[in-house]
């Protein structure tokens, strides 16, 4: 029994047990001090735009916005996977700008897909702790790296952030990968020369697309790790994040406040 992925709920099963996902580790170990301010601003903006809206609706507005963005990101990833596999795609009008920009990116850089949307596993990153994840794309970009394979992570969020270096390093240094078609067969990852993030945005900034602000139009490529040595450094950082994540969870098991002092009586 090896590594399986459930699209419903985005859950992994490794050797019959639930591993920790790479993104869960990063989300739990790396502070995001701007998040509370973002949520407060989104709730306030919703209240201004919707006078008289119920309190509960206003309170949930940031998370509704987050969920909508996640759905859009999932749809774009699915379409990108189909394009990597040479399939014809159909999509809603609101996604046209994303796909047009992504197709232009593939052509502009001469991207040659090698593997797309595969699951990766790391056994015993620390004793008894297994990790799983899912990479977006392994490809060759001859004009940048000749015939060597690079990893490209796709992001549709408002911006791209440094922790993606750790995410792609964890995928690159995984023990093995599996495909959805054959989750029981563990395969060796090819040597990965470098890691990148492709920021997939629409080709305009009209309506809801204005949230991307001054980000360059369409899909743009950003370098994360220029060589295997940099990937190794980023993976060491990921291991540190994993240690923080697991030890914090252990710390949370200690009850507070302590209410039962010891007695000195024999």
C-alpha atoms as a PDB file:
ATOM      1  CA  UNK A   1       0.000   0.000   0.000  1.00  0.00           C
ATOM      2  CA  UNK A   2       1.538   3.302  -1.043  1.00  0.00           C
ATOM      3  CA  UNK A   3       0.487   6.909  -1.572  1.00  0.00           C
ATOM      4  CA  UNK A   4      -3.039   7.833  -2.604  1.00  0.00           C
ATOM      5  CA  UNK A   5      -4.655  11.240  -3.034  1.00  0.00           C
ATOM      6  CA  UNK A   6      -8.335  12.093  -2.629  1.00  0.00           C
ATOM      7  CA  UNK A   7      -9.402  15.149  -4.602  1.00  0.00           C
ATOM      8  CA  UNK A   8     -12.427  15.445  -2.341  1.00  0.00           C
ATOM      9  CA  UNK A   9     -11.082  17.101   0.764  1.00  0.00           C
ATOM     10  CA  UNK A  10      -7.528  17.171  -0.634  1.00  0.00           C
ATOM     11  CA  UNK A  11      -6.363  14.306   1.591  1.00  0.00           C
ATOM     12  CA  UNK A  12      -3.483  11.857   1.340  1.00  0.00           C
ATOM     13  CA  UNK A  13      -3.108   8.273   2.520  1.00  0.00           C
ATOM     14  CA  UNK A  14       0.405   6.832   2.858  1.00  0.00           C
ATOM     15  CA  UNK A  15       0.780   3.155   3.777  1.00  0.00           C
ATOM     16  CA  UNK A  16      -2.809   3.192   5.003  1.00  0.00           C
ATOM     17  CA  UNK A  17      -2.282   6.137   7.371  1.00  0.00           C
ATOM     18  CA  UNK A  18      -2.793   9.886   7.134  1.00  0.00           C
ATOM     19  CA  UNK A  19       0.508  11.758   6.571  1.00  0.00           C
ATOM     20  CA  UNK A  20       0.965  15.466   7.152  1.00  0.00           C
ATOM     21  CA  UNK A  21       0.780  17.514   3.975  1.00  0.00           C
ATOM     22  CA  UNK A  22       3.608  19.832   2.977  1.00  0.00           C
ATOM     23  CA  UNK A  23       1.258  22.814   2.906  1.00  0.00           C
ATOM     24  CA  UNK A  24      -0.144  21.975   6.352  1.00  0.00           C
ATOM     25  CA  UNK A  25       3.375  22.022   7.790  1.00  0.00           C
ATOM     26  CA  UNK A  26       4.157  25.365   6.181  1.00  0.00           C
ATOM     27  CA  UNK A  27       0.830  26.827   7.240  1.00  0.00           C
ATOM     28  CA  UNK A  28       1.348  25.757  10.846  1.00  0.00           C
ATOM     29  CA  UNK A  29       5.047  26.514  11.228  1.00  0.00           C
ATOM     30  CA  UNK A  30       5.566  29.793   9.379  1.00  0.00           C
ATOM     31  CA  UNK A  31       3.915  32.834  11.018  1.00  0.00           C
ATOM     32  CA  UNK A  32       1.598  34.930   8.855  1.00  0.00           C
ATOM     33  CA  UNK A  33       1.297  38.168  10.840  1.00  0.00           C
ATOM     34  CA  UNK A  34      -0.529  39.970   8.029  1.00  0.00           C
ATOM     35  CA  UNK A  35      -3.410  37.464   7.951  1.00  0.00           C
ATOM     36  CA  UNK A  36      -5.497  38.968  10.823  1.00  0.00           C
ATOM     37  CA  UNK A  37      -5.207  42.435   9.259  1.00  0.00           C
ATOM     38  CA  UNK A  38      -6.231  41.081   5.859  1.00  0.00           C
ATOM     39  CA  UNK A  39      -9.284  39.380   7.370  1.00  0.00           C
ATOM     40  CA  UNK A  40     -10.284  42.528   9.265  1.00  0.00           C
ATOM     41  CA  UNK A  41      -9.918  44.665   6.137  1.00  0.00           C
ATOM     42  CA  UNK A  42     -11.989  42.265   4.038  1.00  0.00           C
ATOM     43  CA  UNK A  43     -14.765  42.156   6.635  1.00  0.00           C
ATOM     44  CA  UNK A  44     -14.765  45.949   6.929  1.00  0.00           C
ATOM     45  CA  UNK A  45     -14.854  46.390   3.147  1.00  0.00           C
ATOM     46  CA  UNK A  46     -17.772  43.971   2.866  1.00  0.00           C
ATOM     47  CA  UNK A  47     -19.680  45.908   5.535  1.00  0.00           C
ATOM     48  CA  UNK A  48     -19.114  49.179   3.666  1.00  0.00           C
ATOM     49  CA  UNK A  49     -20.155  47.670   0.323  1.00  0.00           C
ATOM     50  CA  UNK A  50     -23.214  45.912   1.792  1.00  0.00           C
ATOM     51  CA  UNK A  51     -24.946  48.220   4.300  1.00  0.00           C
ATOM     52  CA  UNK A  52     -27.309  46.324   6.561  1.00  0.00           C
ATOM     53  CA  UNK A  53     -25.693  42.938   5.936  1.00  0.00           C
ATOM     54  CA  UNK A  54     -26.107  40.504   8.854  1.00  0.00           C
ATOM     55  CA  UNK A  55     -23.225  40.346  11.316  1.00  0.00           C
ATOM     56  CA  UNK A  56     -22.549  36.683  10.618  1.00  0.00           C
ATOM     57  CA  UNK A  57     -22.307  37.333   6.870  1.00  0.00           C
ATOM     58  CA  UNK A  58     -19.824  40.148   7.449  1.00  0.00           C
ATOM     59  CA  UNK A  59     -17.807  37.984   9.837  1.00  0.00           C
ATOM     60  CA  UNK A  60     -17.549  35.184   7.281  1.00  0.00           C
ATOM     61  CA  UNK A  61     -16.803  37.445   4.301  1.00  0.00           C
ATOM     62  CA  UNK A  62     -12.999  36.953   4.350  1.00  0.00           C
ATOM     63  CA  UNK A  63     -13.316  33.169   4.378  1.00  0.00           C
ATOM     64  CA  UNK A  64     -15.961  33.197   1.647  1.00  0.00           C
ATOM     65  CA  UNK A  65     -13.540  35.241  -0.456  1.00  0.00           C
ATOM     66  CA  UNK A  66     -10.730  32.806   0.341  1.00  0.00           C
ATOM     67  CA  UNK A  67     -12.866  29.803  -0.603  1.00  0.00           C
ATOM     68  CA  UNK A  68     -13.907  31.391  -3.895  1.00  0.00           C
ATOM     69  CA  UNK A  69     -10.267  32.078  -4.746  1.00  0.00           C
ATOM     70  CA  UNK A  70      -9.381  28.477  -3.863  1.00  0.00           C
ATOM     71  CA  UNK A  71     -12.099  27.165  -6.193  1.00  0.00           C
ATOM     72  CA  UNK A  72     -10.778  29.368  -8.986  1.00  0.00           C
ATOM     73  CA  UNK A  73      -7.247  28.137  -8.336  1.00  0.00           C
ATOM     74  CA  UNK A  74      -8.368  24.509  -8.432  1.00  0.00           C
ATOM     75  CA  UNK A  75     -10.118  25.086 -11.763  1.00  0.00           C
ATOM     76  CA  UNK A  76      -7.045  26.763 -13.276  1.00  0.00           C
ATOM     77  CA  UNK A  77      -4.789  23.933 -12.056  1.00  0.00           C
ATOM     78  CA  UNK A  78      -7.088  21.327 -13.613  1.00  0.00           C
ATOM     79  CA  UNK A  79      -7.076  23.152 -16.942  1.00  0.00           C
ATOM     80  CA  UNK A  80      -3.295  23.540 -16.816  1.00  0.00           C
ATOM     81  CA  UNK A  81      -2.903  19.805 -16.225  1.00  0.00           C
ATOM     82  CA  UNK A  82      -5.058  19.081 -19.273  1.00  0.00           C
ATOM     83  CA  UNK A  83      -2.922  21.441 -21.354  1.00  0.00           C
ATOM     84  CA  UNK A  84       0.262  19.726 -20.134  1.00  0.00           C
ATOM     85  CA  UNK A  85      -1.217  16.424 -21.315  1.00  0.00           C
ATOM     86  CA  UNK A  86      -2.030  17.829 -24.751  1.00  0.00           C
ATOM     87  CA  UNK A  87      -5.789  17.741 -24.206  1.00  0.00           C
ATOM     88  CA  UNK A  88      -8.335  20.183 -25.571  1.00  0.00           C
ATOM     89  CA  UNK A  89      -9.951  22.276 -22.850  1.00  0.00           C
ATOM     90  CA  UNK A  90     -13.209  24.151 -22.409  1.00  0.00           C
ATOM     91  CA  UNK A  91     -13.715  26.690 -19.652  1.00  0.00           C
ATOM     92  CA  UNK A  92     -15.940  29.459 -18.355  1.00  0.00           C
ATOM     93  CA  UNK A  93     -15.456  32.972 -19.688  1.00  0.00           C
ATOM     94  CA  UNK A  94     -14.125  34.204 -16.332  1.00  0.00           C
ATOM     95  CA  UNK A  95     -11.153  31.838 -16.666  1.00  0.00           C
ATOM     96  CA  UNK A  96     -10.283  32.805 -20.252  1.00  0.00           C
ATOM     97  CA  UNK A  97      -7.726  35.419 -19.211  1.00  0.00           C
ATOM     98  CA  UNK A  98      -5.910  32.913 -17.000  1.00  0.00           C
ATOM     99  CA  UNK A  99      -5.716  30.270 -19.719  1.00  0.00           C
ATOM    100  CA  UNK A 100      -4.759  32.692 -22.498  1.00  0.00           C
ATOM    101  CA  UNK A 101      -1.933  33.997 -20.344  1.00  0.00           C
ATOM    102  CA  UNK A 102      -0.805  30.511 -19.379  1.00  0.00           C
ATOM    103  CA  UNK A 103      -0.730  29.302 -22.985  1.00  0.00           C
ATOM    104  CA  UNK A 104       1.338  32.348 -23.898  1.00  0.00           C
ATOM    105  CA  UNK A 105       3.749  31.501 -21.058  1.00  0.00           C
ATOM    106  CA  UNK A 106       4.167  27.905 -22.252  1.00  0.00           C
ATOM    107  CA  UNK A 107       4.923  29.112 -25.771  1.00  0.00           C
ATOM    108  CA  UNK A 108       7.125  32.035 -24.737  1.00  0.00           C
ATOM    109  CA  UNK A 109       9.427  29.906 -22.584  1.00  0.00           C
ATOM    110  CA  UNK A 110       9.191  26.769 -24.706  1.00  0.00           C
ATOM    111  CA  UNK A 111       8.051  24.680 -21.727  1.00  0.00           C
ATOM    112  CA  UNK A 112       8.147  20.911 -22.368  1.00  0.00           C
ATOM    113  CA  UNK A 113       6.023  19.096 -19.729  1.00  0.00           C
ATOM    114  CA  UNK A 114       7.503  15.894 -18.267  1.00  0.00           C
ATOM    115  CA  UNK A 115       5.203  15.066 -15.331  1.00  0.00           C
ATOM    116  CA  UNK A 116       2.097  16.844 -14.101  1.00  0.00           C
ATOM    117  CA  UNK A 117       0.034  16.618 -10.900  1.00  0.00           C
ATOM    118  CA  UNK A 118       1.800  13.701  -9.192  1.00  0.00           C
ATOM    119  CA  UNK A 119       1.878  12.811  -5.508  1.00  0.00           C
ATOM    120  CA  UNK A 120       5.121  12.691  -3.528  1.00  0.00           C
ATOM    121  CA  UNK A 121       5.937  11.044  -0.209  1.00  0.00           C
ATOM    122  CA  UNK A 122       8.601  11.446   2.469  1.00  0.00           C
ATOM    123  CA  UNK A 123       8.778   8.657   5.024  1.00  0.00           C
ATOM    124  CA  UNK A 124      10.144   9.377   8.504  1.00  0.00           C
ATOM    125  CA  UNK A 125      11.182  12.973   7.985  1.00  0.00           C
ATOM    126  CA  UNK A 126      11.357  12.601  11.755  1.00  0.00           C
ATOM    127  CA  UNK A 127      10.808   9.242  13.483  1.00  0.00           C
ATOM    128  CA  UNK A 128       7.235   8.146  12.865  1.00  0.00           C
ATOM    129  CA  UNK A 129       6.365  11.296  10.916  1.00  0.00           C
ATOM    130  CA  UNK A 130       5.464  10.980   7.228  1.00  0.00           C
ATOM    131  CA  UNK A 131       4.844  13.817   4.789  1.00  0.00           C
ATOM    132  CA  UNK A 132       2.998  13.972   1.466  1.00  0.00           C
ATOM    133  CA  UNK A 133       2.316  16.543  -1.198  1.00  0.00           C
ATOM    134  CA  UNK A 134       1.427  17.042  -4.835  1.00  0.00           C
ATOM    135  CA  UNK A 135       3.559  18.910  -7.345  1.00  0.00           C
ATOM    136  CA  UNK A 136       2.124  20.830 -10.274  1.00  0.00           C
ATOM    137  CA  UNK A 137       4.671  20.362 -13.038  1.00  0.00           C
ATOM    138  CA  UNK A 138       8.060  18.917 -13.879  1.00  0.00           C
ATOM    139  CA  UNK A 139       9.272  20.208 -17.224  1.00  0.00           C
ATOM    140  CA  UNK A 140      12.200  21.025 -19.435  1.00  0.00           C
ATOM    141  CA  UNK A 141      12.850  24.612 -20.454  1.00  0.00           C
ATOM    142  CA  UNK A 142      15.674  24.254 -23.006  1.00  0.00           C
ATOM    143  CA  UNK A 143      16.403  27.975 -23.245  1.00  0.00           C
ATOM    144  CA  UNK A 144      17.067  28.082 -19.477  1.00  0.00           C
ATOM    145  CA  UNK A 145      18.369  24.623 -18.502  1.00  0.00           C
ATOM    146  CA  UNK A 146      18.907  22.607 -21.672  1.00  0.00           C
ATOM    147  CA  UNK A 147      17.602  19.058 -21.282  1.00  0.00           C
ATOM    148  CA  UNK A 148      17.556  19.164 -17.467  1.00  0.00           C
ATOM    149  CA  UNK A 149      14.282  18.882 -15.547  1.00  0.00           C
ATOM    150  CA  UNK A 150      12.963  21.722 -13.402  1.00  0.00           C
ATOM    151  CA  UNK A 151       9.997  21.975 -11.052  1.00  0.00           C
ATOM    152  CA  UNK A 152       7.357  24.656 -11.613  1.00  0.00           C
ATOM    153  CA  UNK A 153       4.718  25.422  -8.994  1.00  0.00           C
ATOM    154  CA  UNK A 154       1.603  27.253 -10.188  1.00  0.00           C
ATOM    155  CA  UNK A 155       0.100  29.992  -8.020  1.00  0.00           C
ATOM    156  CA  UNK A 156      -3.090  31.938  -8.682  1.00  0.00           C
ATOM    157  CA  UNK A 157      -3.096  33.940  -5.441  1.00  0.00           C
ATOM    158  CA  UNK A 158      -2.686  37.715  -5.367  1.00  0.00           C
ATOM    159  CA  UNK A 159       1.073  37.354  -4.986  1.00  0.00           C
ATOM    160  CA  UNK A 160       3.858  34.776  -4.770  1.00  0.00           C
ATOM    161  CA  UNK A 161       5.737  34.268  -1.523  1.00  0.00           C
ATOM    162  CA  UNK A 162       9.073  32.971  -0.310  1.00  0.00           C
ATOM    163  CA  UNK A 163       7.714  29.903   1.467  1.00  0.00           C
ATOM    164  CA  UNK A 164       7.110  28.404  -1.982  1.00  0.00           C
ATOM    165  CA  UNK A 165      10.877  27.783  -1.978  1.00  0.00           C
ATOM    166  CA  UNK A 166      10.398  25.370   0.925  1.00  0.00           C
ATOM    167  CA  UNK A 167       7.319  23.803  -0.653  1.00  0.00           C
ATOM    168  CA  UNK A 168       9.021  23.010  -3.956  1.00  0.00           C
ATOM    169  CA  UNK A 169      12.157  21.801  -2.169  1.00  0.00           C
ATOM    170  CA  UNK A 170      10.089  19.309  -0.169  1.00  0.00           C
ATOM    171  CA  UNK A 171       8.544  18.001  -3.382  1.00  0.00           C
ATOM    172  CA  UNK A 172      11.926  17.882  -5.127  1.00  0.00           C
ATOM    173  CA  UNK A 173      13.605  15.930  -2.295  1.00  0.00           C
ATOM    174  CA  UNK A 174      10.760  13.446  -1.771  1.00  0.00           C
ATOM    175  CA  UNK A 175      11.539   9.737  -1.509  1.00  0.00           C
ATOM    176  CA  UNK A 176       9.248   8.821  -4.405  1.00  0.00           C
ATOM    177  CA  UNK A 177       6.235   9.839  -6.448  1.00  0.00           C
ATOM    178  CA  UNK A 178       3.032   8.092  -7.500  1.00  0.00           C
ATOM    179  CA  UNK A 179       0.409   8.811 -10.129  1.00  0.00           C
ATOM    180  CA  UNK A 180      -3.348   8.900  -9.628  1.00  0.00           C
ATOM    181  CA  UNK A 181      -3.657   6.108 -12.191  1.00  0.00           C
ATOM    182  CA  UNK A 182      -1.330   3.797 -10.230  1.00  0.00           C
ATOM    183  CA  UNK A 183      -1.024   4.971  -6.607  1.00  0.00           C
ATOM    184  CA  UNK A 184       0.500   1.668  -5.438  1.00  0.00           C
ATOM    185  CA  UNK A 185       3.633   1.929  -7.578  1.00  0.00           C
ATOM    186  CA  UNK A 186       6.400   4.091  -6.127  1.00  0.00           C
ATOM    187  CA  UNK A 187       8.548   5.774  -8.778  1.00  0.00           C
ATOM    188  CA  UNK A 188      11.853   7.604  -8.504  1.00  0.00           C
ATOM    189  CA  UNK A 189      11.778  11.316  -9.172  1.00  0.00           C
ATOM    190  CA  UNK A 190      14.062  12.555 -11.943  1.00  0.00           C
ATOM    191  CA  UNK A 191      16.971  14.781 -10.961  1.00  0.00           C
ATOM    192  CA  UNK A 192      15.603  18.296 -10.498  1.00  0.00           C
ATOM    193  CA  UNK A 193      17.984  21.059 -11.502  1.00  0.00           C
ATOM    194  CA  UNK A 194      16.039  24.131 -10.357  1.00  0.00           C
ATOM    195  CA  UNK A 195      12.678  25.255  -8.994  1.00  0.00           C
ATOM    196  CA  UNK A 196      10.357  28.014 -10.184  1.00  0.00           C
ATOM    197  CA  UNK A 197       6.947  29.466  -9.438  1.00  0.00           C
ATOM    198  CA  UNK A 198       4.626  30.517 -12.252  1.00  0.00           C
ATOM    199  CA  UNK A 199       2.267  33.276 -11.146  1.00  0.00           C
ATOM    200  CA  UNK A 200      -0.873  32.606 -13.177  1.00  0.00           C
ATOM    201  CA  UNK A 201      -3.027  35.739 -13.395  1.00  0.00           C
ATOM    202  CA  UNK A 202      -5.533  37.058 -15.949  1.00  0.00           C
ATOM    203  CA  UNK A 203      -4.516  39.106 -18.967  1.00  0.00           C
ATOM    204  CA  UNK A 204      -6.541  42.111 -17.736  1.00  0.00           C
ATOM    205  CA  UNK A 205      -7.225  43.907 -14.459  1.00  0.00           C
ATOM    206  CA  UNK A 206     -10.934  44.565 -14.902  1.00  0.00           C
ATOM    207  CA  UNK A 207     -13.632  43.809 -12.317  1.00  0.00           C
ATOM    208  CA  UNK A 208     -12.540  41.161  -9.812  1.00  0.00           C
ATOM    209  CA  UNK A 209      -9.202  40.863 -11.597  1.00  0.00           C
ATOM    210  CA  UNK A 210      -8.262  44.264 -10.178  1.00  0.00           C
ATOM    211  CA  UNK A 211      -7.287  42.448  -6.981  1.00  0.00           C
ATOM    212  CA  UNK A 212      -3.997  41.502  -8.659  1.00  0.00           C
ATOM    213  CA  UNK A 213      -3.031  45.170  -8.575  1.00  0.00           C
ATOM    214  CA  UNK A 214       0.318  45.933 -10.154  1.00  0.00           C
ATOM    215  CA  UNK A 215       1.312  42.287 -10.721  1.00  0.00           C
ATOM    216  CA  UNK A 216       2.420  41.760 -14.347  1.00  0.00           C
ATOM    217  CA  UNK A 217      -0.375  40.635 -16.659  1.00  0.00           C
ATOM    218  CA  UNK A 218      -0.782  36.985 -17.610  1.00  0.00           C
ATOM    219  CA  UNK A 219       1.567  34.250 -16.379  1.00  0.00           C
ATOM    220  CA  UNK A 220       5.043  35.170 -15.212  1.00  0.00           C
ATOM    221  CA  UNK A 221       7.916  32.948 -14.089  1.00  0.00           C
ATOM    222  CA  UNK A 222       9.961  33.560 -10.931  1.00  0.00           C
ATOM    223  CA  UNK A 223      13.123  31.724  -9.918  1.00  0.00           C
ATOM    224  CA  UNK A 224      13.087  29.972  -6.534  1.00  0.00           C
ATOM    225  CA  UNK A 225      16.223  27.795  -6.525  1.00  0.00           C
ATOM    226  CA  UNK A 226      18.784  28.176  -9.335  1.00  0.00           C
ATOM    227  CA  UNK A 227      20.569  24.878  -8.698  1.00  0.00           C
ATOM    228  CA  UNK A 228      20.476  21.651  -6.637  1.00  0.00           C
ATOM    229  CA  UNK A 229      22.567  23.233  -3.861  1.00  0.00           C
ATOM    230  CA  UNK A 230      19.911  25.905  -3.346  1.00  0.00           C
ATOM    231  CA  UNK A 231      17.204  23.227  -3.333  1.00  0.00           C
ATOM    232  CA  UNK A 232      19.148  21.424  -0.577  1.00  0.00           C
ATOM    233  CA  UNK A 233      19.267  24.632   1.504  1.00  0.00           C
ATOM    234  CA  UNK A 234      15.554  25.191   1.060  1.00  0.00           C
ATOM    235  CA  UNK A 235      14.872  21.580   2.045  1.00  0.00           C
ATOM    236  CA  UNK A 236      16.871  22.059   5.250  1.00  0.00           C
ATOM    237  CA  UNK A 237      14.589  25.014   5.997  1.00  0.00           C
ATOM    238  CA  UNK A 238      11.550  22.840   5.321  1.00  0.00           C
ATOM    239  CA  UNK A 239      12.830  20.212   7.758  1.00  0.00           C
ATOM    240  CA  UNK A 240      13.223  22.948  10.357  1.00  0.00           C
ATOM    241  CA  UNK A 241       9.646  24.058   9.686  1.00  0.00           C
ATOM    242  CA  UNK A 242       8.469  20.453  10.045  1.00  0.00           C
ATOM    243  CA  UNK A 243      10.283  20.167  13.387  1.00  0.00           C
ATOM    244  CA  UNK A 244       8.586  23.357  14.574  1.00  0.00           C
ATOM    245  CA  UNK A 245       5.203  22.091  13.400  1.00  0.00           C
ATOM    246  CA  UNK A 246       5.454  18.720  15.134  1.00  0.00           C
ATOM    247  CA  UNK A 247       6.943  20.022  18.390  1.00  0.00           C
ATOM    248  CA  UNK A 248       4.312  22.762  18.580  1.00  0.00           C
ATOM    249  CA  UNK A 249       1.600  20.136  18.333  1.00  0.00           C
ATOM    250  CA  UNK A 250       3.269  18.185  21.146  1.00  0.00           C
ATOM    251  CA  UNK A 251       3.462  21.393  23.194  1.00  0.00           C
ATOM    252  CA  UNK A 252      -0.264  21.919  22.733  1.00  0.00           C
ATOM    253  CA  UNK A 253      -0.900  18.638  24.576  1.00  0.00           C
ATOM    254  CA  UNK A 254       0.449  20.135  27.822  1.00  0.00           C
ATOM    255  CA  UNK A 255      -2.580  21.298  29.848  1.00  0.00           C
ATOM    256  CA  UNK A 256      -2.697  24.908  30.984  1.00  0.00           C
ATOM    257  CA  UNK A 257      -3.097  26.393  33.451  1.00  0.00           C
ATOM    258  CA  UNK A 258      -1.713  23.748  35.807  1.00  0.00           C
ATOM    259  CA  UNK A 259      -4.184  23.391  38.662  1.00  0.00           C
ATOM    260  CA  UNK A 260      -2.998  20.426  40.746  1.00  0.00           C
ATOM    261  CA  UNK A 261       0.083  21.350  42.832  1.00  0.00           C
ATOM    262  CA  UNK A 262       1.918  18.549  44.592  1.00  0.00           C
ATOM    263  CA  UNK A 263       1.578  18.133  48.327  1.00  0.00           C
ATOM    264  CA  UNK A 264       4.708  17.982  50.512  1.00  0.00           C
ATOM    265  CA  UNK A 265       2.975  15.566  52.867  1.00  0.00           C
ATOM    266  CA  UNK A 266       4.421  12.070  52.871  1.00  0.00           C
END
